[in-house]
């Protein structure tokens, strides 16, 4: 089985997780986040206990950076474990 490149895997996972949070931040900035939350809870036949706070550029940037870094760490660790468990 082919070995995973830890740096590339880390980057891909970091970009994926950070990208989702970029989209979430854009939904908040455009005022669509509350509608999405309400819809998702409605689909699951639940009442939504959460209220979206006003958009903050600083908090949005911090959210994206932190989730990117955590995603990179998780991707790197995943690739490391994968490579160790799939040695021939």
N, C-alpha and C. Protein backbone atom coordinates (compact mmCIF):
# COMPACT_ATOMS: atom_id res chain seq x y z
N UNK A 1 0.84 -1.18 0.00
CA UNK A 1 0.00 0.00 0.00
C UNK A 1 0.89 1.24 0.00
N UNK A 2 0.47 2.26 -0.72
CA UNK A 2 1.28 3.47 -0.87
C UNK A 2 1.29 4.28 0.44
N UNK A 3 2.46 4.80 0.75
CA UNK A 3 2.63 5.62 1.95
C UNK A 3 2.06 7.02 1.69
N UNK A 4 1.43 7.60 2.72
CA UNK A 4 0.91 8.96 2.62
C UNK A 4 2.02 9.97 2.93
N UNK A 5 2.05 11.05 2.18
CA UNK A 5 2.96 12.14 2.46
C UNK A 5 2.36 12.96 3.60
N UNK A 6 3.05 13.01 4.74
CA UNK A 6 2.47 13.66 5.92
C UNK A 6 2.23 15.15 5.70
N UNK A 7 3.14 15.83 4.98
CA UNK A 7 2.98 17.27 4.76
C UNK A 7 1.80 17.56 3.83
N UNK A 8 1.67 16.78 2.77
CA UNK A 8 0.56 17.00 1.84
C UNK A 8 -0.77 16.67 2.49
N UNK A 9 -0.81 15.58 3.25
CA UNK A 9 -2.04 15.21 3.94
C UNK A 9 -2.43 16.28 4.95
N UNK A 10 -1.45 16.77 5.69
CA UNK A 10 -1.70 17.84 6.65
C UNK A 10 -2.27 19.07 5.96
N UNK A 11 -1.68 19.45 4.83
CA UNK A 11 -2.14 20.63 4.11
C UNK A 11 -3.56 20.44 3.57
N UNK A 12 -3.84 19.28 3.01
CA UNK A 12 -5.18 19.03 2.45
C UNK A 12 -6.24 19.07 3.55
N UNK A 13 -5.99 18.39 4.66
CA UNK A 13 -6.97 18.37 5.75
C UNK A 13 -7.12 19.77 6.34
N UNK A 14 -6.01 20.48 6.53
CA UNK A 14 -6.07 21.84 7.05
C UNK A 14 -6.88 22.77 6.15
N UNK A 15 -6.65 22.67 4.83
CA UNK A 15 -7.40 23.50 3.89
C UNK A 15 -8.89 23.13 3.87
N UNK A 16 -9.18 21.84 3.97
CA UNK A 16 -10.57 21.40 3.97
C UNK A 16 -11.31 21.93 5.21
N UNK A 17 -10.73 21.72 6.38
CA UNK A 17 -11.39 22.15 7.62
C UNK A 17 -11.43 23.68 7.70
N UNK A 18 -10.32 24.32 7.37
CA UNK A 18 -10.30 25.79 7.37
C UNK A 18 -11.26 26.36 6.34
N UNK A 19 -11.36 25.70 5.18
CA UNK A 19 -12.28 26.15 4.13
C UNK A 19 -13.73 26.08 4.56
N UNK A 20 -14.11 25.01 5.27
CA UNK A 20 -15.47 24.92 5.77
C UNK A 20 -15.77 26.08 6.72
N UNK A 21 -14.80 26.43 7.55
CA UNK A 21 -15.00 27.53 8.49
C UNK A 21 -14.97 28.89 7.79
N UNK A 22 -14.27 28.99 6.67
CA UNK A 22 -14.35 30.20 5.85
C UNK A 22 -15.77 30.35 5.31
N UNK A 23 -16.34 29.25 4.82
CA UNK A 23 -17.72 29.29 4.31
C UNK A 23 -18.68 29.67 5.43
N UNK A 24 -18.50 29.09 6.62
CA UNK A 24 -19.35 29.43 7.76
C UNK A 24 -19.23 30.92 8.09
N UNK A 25 -18.02 31.46 8.07
CA UNK A 25 -17.81 32.88 8.35
C UNK A 25 -18.51 33.76 7.31
N UNK A 26 -18.47 33.33 6.05
CA UNK A 26 -19.16 34.07 4.99
C UNK A 26 -20.67 34.02 5.18
N UNK A 27 -21.18 32.87 5.63
CA UNK A 27 -22.62 32.76 5.91
C UNK A 27 -23.02 33.71 7.04
N UNK A 28 -22.18 33.84 8.05
CA UNK A 28 -22.47 34.78 9.14
C UNK A 28 -22.44 36.21 8.62
N UNK A 29 -21.41 36.53 7.83
CA UNK A 29 -21.25 37.90 7.31
C UNK A 29 -22.42 38.30 6.41
N UNK A 30 -22.99 37.33 5.68
CA UNK A 30 -24.10 37.65 4.78
C UNK A 30 -25.47 37.54 5.45
N UNK A 31 -25.49 37.10 6.70
CA UNK A 31 -26.75 36.99 7.41
C UNK A 31 -27.51 35.70 7.13
N UNK A 32 -26.87 34.73 6.49
CA UNK A 32 -27.56 33.48 6.14
C UNK A 32 -27.32 32.35 7.14
N UNK A 33 -26.42 32.54 8.08
CA UNK A 33 -26.05 31.45 9.00
C UNK A 33 -27.22 31.03 9.89
N UNK A 34 -27.97 31.99 10.40
CA UNK A 34 -29.09 31.65 11.28
C UNK A 34 -30.15 30.86 10.53
N UNK A 35 -30.40 31.26 9.28
CA UNK A 35 -31.37 30.52 8.47
C UNK A 35 -30.92 29.08 8.26
N UNK A 36 -29.63 28.90 7.99
CA UNK A 36 -29.10 27.55 7.78
C UNK A 36 -29.22 26.72 9.06
N UNK A 37 -28.84 27.30 10.19
CA UNK A 37 -28.96 26.58 11.47
C UNK A 37 -30.40 26.19 11.74
N UNK A 38 -31.32 27.14 11.57
CA UNK A 38 -32.73 26.86 11.80
C UNK A 38 -33.22 25.74 10.90
N UNK A 39 -32.80 25.75 9.63
CA UNK A 39 -33.22 24.73 8.68
C UNK A 39 -32.68 23.35 9.07
N UNK A 40 -31.40 23.28 9.45
CA UNK A 40 -30.80 22.00 9.82
C UNK A 40 -31.48 21.42 11.06
N UNK A 41 -31.74 22.26 12.05
CA UNK A 41 -32.44 21.77 13.24
C UNK A 41 -33.86 21.34 12.90
N UNK A 42 -34.53 22.09 12.05
CA UNK A 42 -35.88 21.74 11.62
C UNK A 42 -35.89 20.37 10.94
N UNK A 43 -34.92 20.12 10.04
CA UNK A 43 -34.83 18.83 9.35
C UNK A 43 -34.69 17.67 10.34
N UNK A 44 -34.00 17.93 11.45
CA UNK A 44 -33.79 16.89 12.45
C UNK A 44 -34.90 16.86 13.50
N UNK A 45 -35.95 17.63 13.25
CA UNK A 45 -37.10 17.72 14.15
C UNK A 45 -36.70 18.16 15.56
N UNK A 46 -35.85 19.18 15.60
CA UNK A 46 -35.36 19.74 16.86
C UNK A 46 -35.63 21.24 16.89
N UNK A 47 -35.69 21.80 18.08
CA UNK A 47 -35.74 23.25 18.24
C UNK A 47 -34.31 23.75 18.32
N UNK A 48 -34.04 24.88 17.66
CA UNK A 48 -32.69 25.43 17.65
C UNK A 48 -32.48 26.30 18.90
N UNK A 49 -31.57 25.86 19.79
CA UNK A 49 -31.30 26.66 20.99
C UNK A 49 -30.24 27.73 20.77
N UNK A 50 -29.68 27.83 19.55
CA UNK A 50 -28.55 28.72 19.31
C UNK A 50 -28.94 29.96 18.53
N UNK A 51 -28.32 31.07 18.88
CA UNK A 51 -28.51 32.33 18.17
C UNK A 51 -27.15 32.76 17.64
N UNK A 52 -27.05 33.02 16.34
CA UNK A 52 -25.79 33.44 15.74
C UNK A 52 -25.46 34.85 16.19
N UNK A 53 -24.23 35.05 16.65
CA UNK A 53 -23.76 36.36 17.10
C UNK A 53 -23.43 37.24 15.89
N UNK A 54 -23.33 38.54 16.09
CA UNK A 54 -22.94 39.42 14.99
C UNK A 54 -21.56 39.07 14.45
N UNK A 55 -21.36 39.35 13.18
CA UNK A 55 -20.09 39.04 12.51
C UNK A 55 -18.96 39.89 13.07
N UNK A 56 -17.82 39.23 13.28
CA UNK A 56 -16.60 39.92 13.72
C UNK A 56 -15.47 39.42 12.82
N UNK A 57 -14.84 40.31 12.08
CA UNK A 57 -13.75 39.94 11.19
C UNK A 57 -12.59 39.30 11.96
N UNK A 58 -12.27 39.84 13.11
CA UNK A 58 -11.18 39.31 13.93
C UNK A 58 -11.48 37.88 14.36
N UNK A 59 -12.69 37.65 14.88
CA UNK A 59 -13.06 36.30 15.32
C UNK A 59 -13.14 35.34 14.15
N UNK A 60 -13.62 35.80 13.00
CA UNK A 60 -13.70 34.95 11.82
C UNK A 60 -12.30 34.53 11.37
N UNK A 61 -11.38 35.48 11.33
CA UNK A 61 -10.00 35.17 10.93
C UNK A 61 -9.36 34.19 11.91
N UNK A 62 -9.58 34.41 13.20
CA UNK A 62 -9.04 33.52 14.23
C UNK A 62 -9.64 32.12 14.09
N UNK A 63 -10.94 32.04 13.84
CA UNK A 63 -11.59 30.74 13.64
C UNK A 63 -10.97 29.99 12.48
N UNK A 64 -10.76 30.68 11.37
CA UNK A 64 -10.21 30.04 10.17
C UNK A 64 -8.77 29.59 10.41
N UNK A 65 -7.96 30.43 11.03
CA UNK A 65 -6.56 30.09 11.29
C UNK A 65 -6.46 28.92 12.27
N UNK A 66 -7.22 28.97 13.36
CA UNK A 66 -7.15 27.90 14.36
C UNK A 66 -7.61 26.58 13.77
N UNK A 67 -8.71 26.58 13.02
CA UNK A 67 -9.20 25.32 12.45
C UNK A 67 -8.25 24.80 11.37
N UNK A 68 -7.60 25.70 10.64
CA UNK A 68 -6.59 25.27 9.66
C UNK A 68 -5.43 24.58 10.37
N UNK A 69 -4.93 25.18 11.44
CA UNK A 69 -3.80 24.61 12.18
C UNK A 69 -4.19 23.26 12.81
N UNK A 70 -5.36 23.20 13.42
CA UNK A 70 -5.82 21.95 14.02
C UNK A 70 -6.02 20.89 12.93
N UNK A 71 -6.57 21.28 11.79
CA UNK A 71 -6.73 20.36 10.67
C UNK A 71 -5.40 19.84 10.16
N UNK A 72 -4.41 20.73 10.06
CA UNK A 72 -3.06 20.31 9.65
C UNK A 72 -2.48 19.30 10.63
N UNK A 73 -2.61 19.59 11.91
CA UNK A 73 -2.08 18.68 12.93
C UNK A 73 -2.80 17.33 12.84
N UNK A 74 -4.11 17.36 12.70
CA UNK A 74 -4.87 16.13 12.59
C UNK A 74 -4.52 15.34 11.33
N UNK A 75 -4.35 16.02 10.21
CA UNK A 75 -3.97 15.37 8.97
C UNK A 75 -2.59 14.77 9.03
N UNK A 76 -1.66 15.49 9.65
CA UNK A 76 -0.29 14.98 9.81
C UNK A 76 -0.28 13.74 10.68
N UNK A 77 -1.01 13.80 11.79
CA UNK A 77 -1.08 12.67 12.71
C UNK A 77 -1.75 11.47 12.04
N UNK A 78 -2.83 11.72 11.29
CA UNK A 78 -3.50 10.65 10.56
C UNK A 78 -2.55 9.97 9.58
N UNK A 79 -1.83 10.75 8.79
CA UNK A 79 -0.89 10.19 7.82
C UNK A 79 0.22 9.40 8.51
N UNK A 80 0.71 9.92 9.63
CA UNK A 80 1.74 9.22 10.39
C UNK A 80 1.24 7.86 10.87
N UNK A 81 0.04 7.84 11.45
CA UNK A 81 -0.54 6.57 11.90
C UNK A 81 -0.80 5.62 10.74
N UNK A 82 -1.34 6.16 9.66
CA UNK A 82 -1.61 5.36 8.46
C UNK A 82 -0.33 4.67 7.99
N UNK A 83 0.73 5.44 7.88
CA UNK A 83 1.99 4.89 7.39
C UNK A 83 2.55 3.82 8.34
N UNK A 84 2.41 4.04 9.65
CA UNK A 84 2.92 3.06 10.60
C UNK A 84 2.10 1.78 10.56
N UNK A 85 0.78 1.90 10.40
CA UNK A 85 -0.09 0.72 10.42
C UNK A 85 -0.10 -0.04 9.10
N UNK A 86 0.35 0.60 8.01
CA UNK A 86 0.32 -0.05 6.71
C UNK A 86 1.71 -0.35 6.15
N UNK A 87 2.67 -0.49 7.04
CA UNK A 87 4.03 -0.86 6.58
C UNK A 87 3.99 -2.29 6.05
N UNK A 88 4.70 -2.53 4.93
CA UNK A 88 4.72 -3.91 4.41
C UNK A 88 5.86 -4.71 4.99
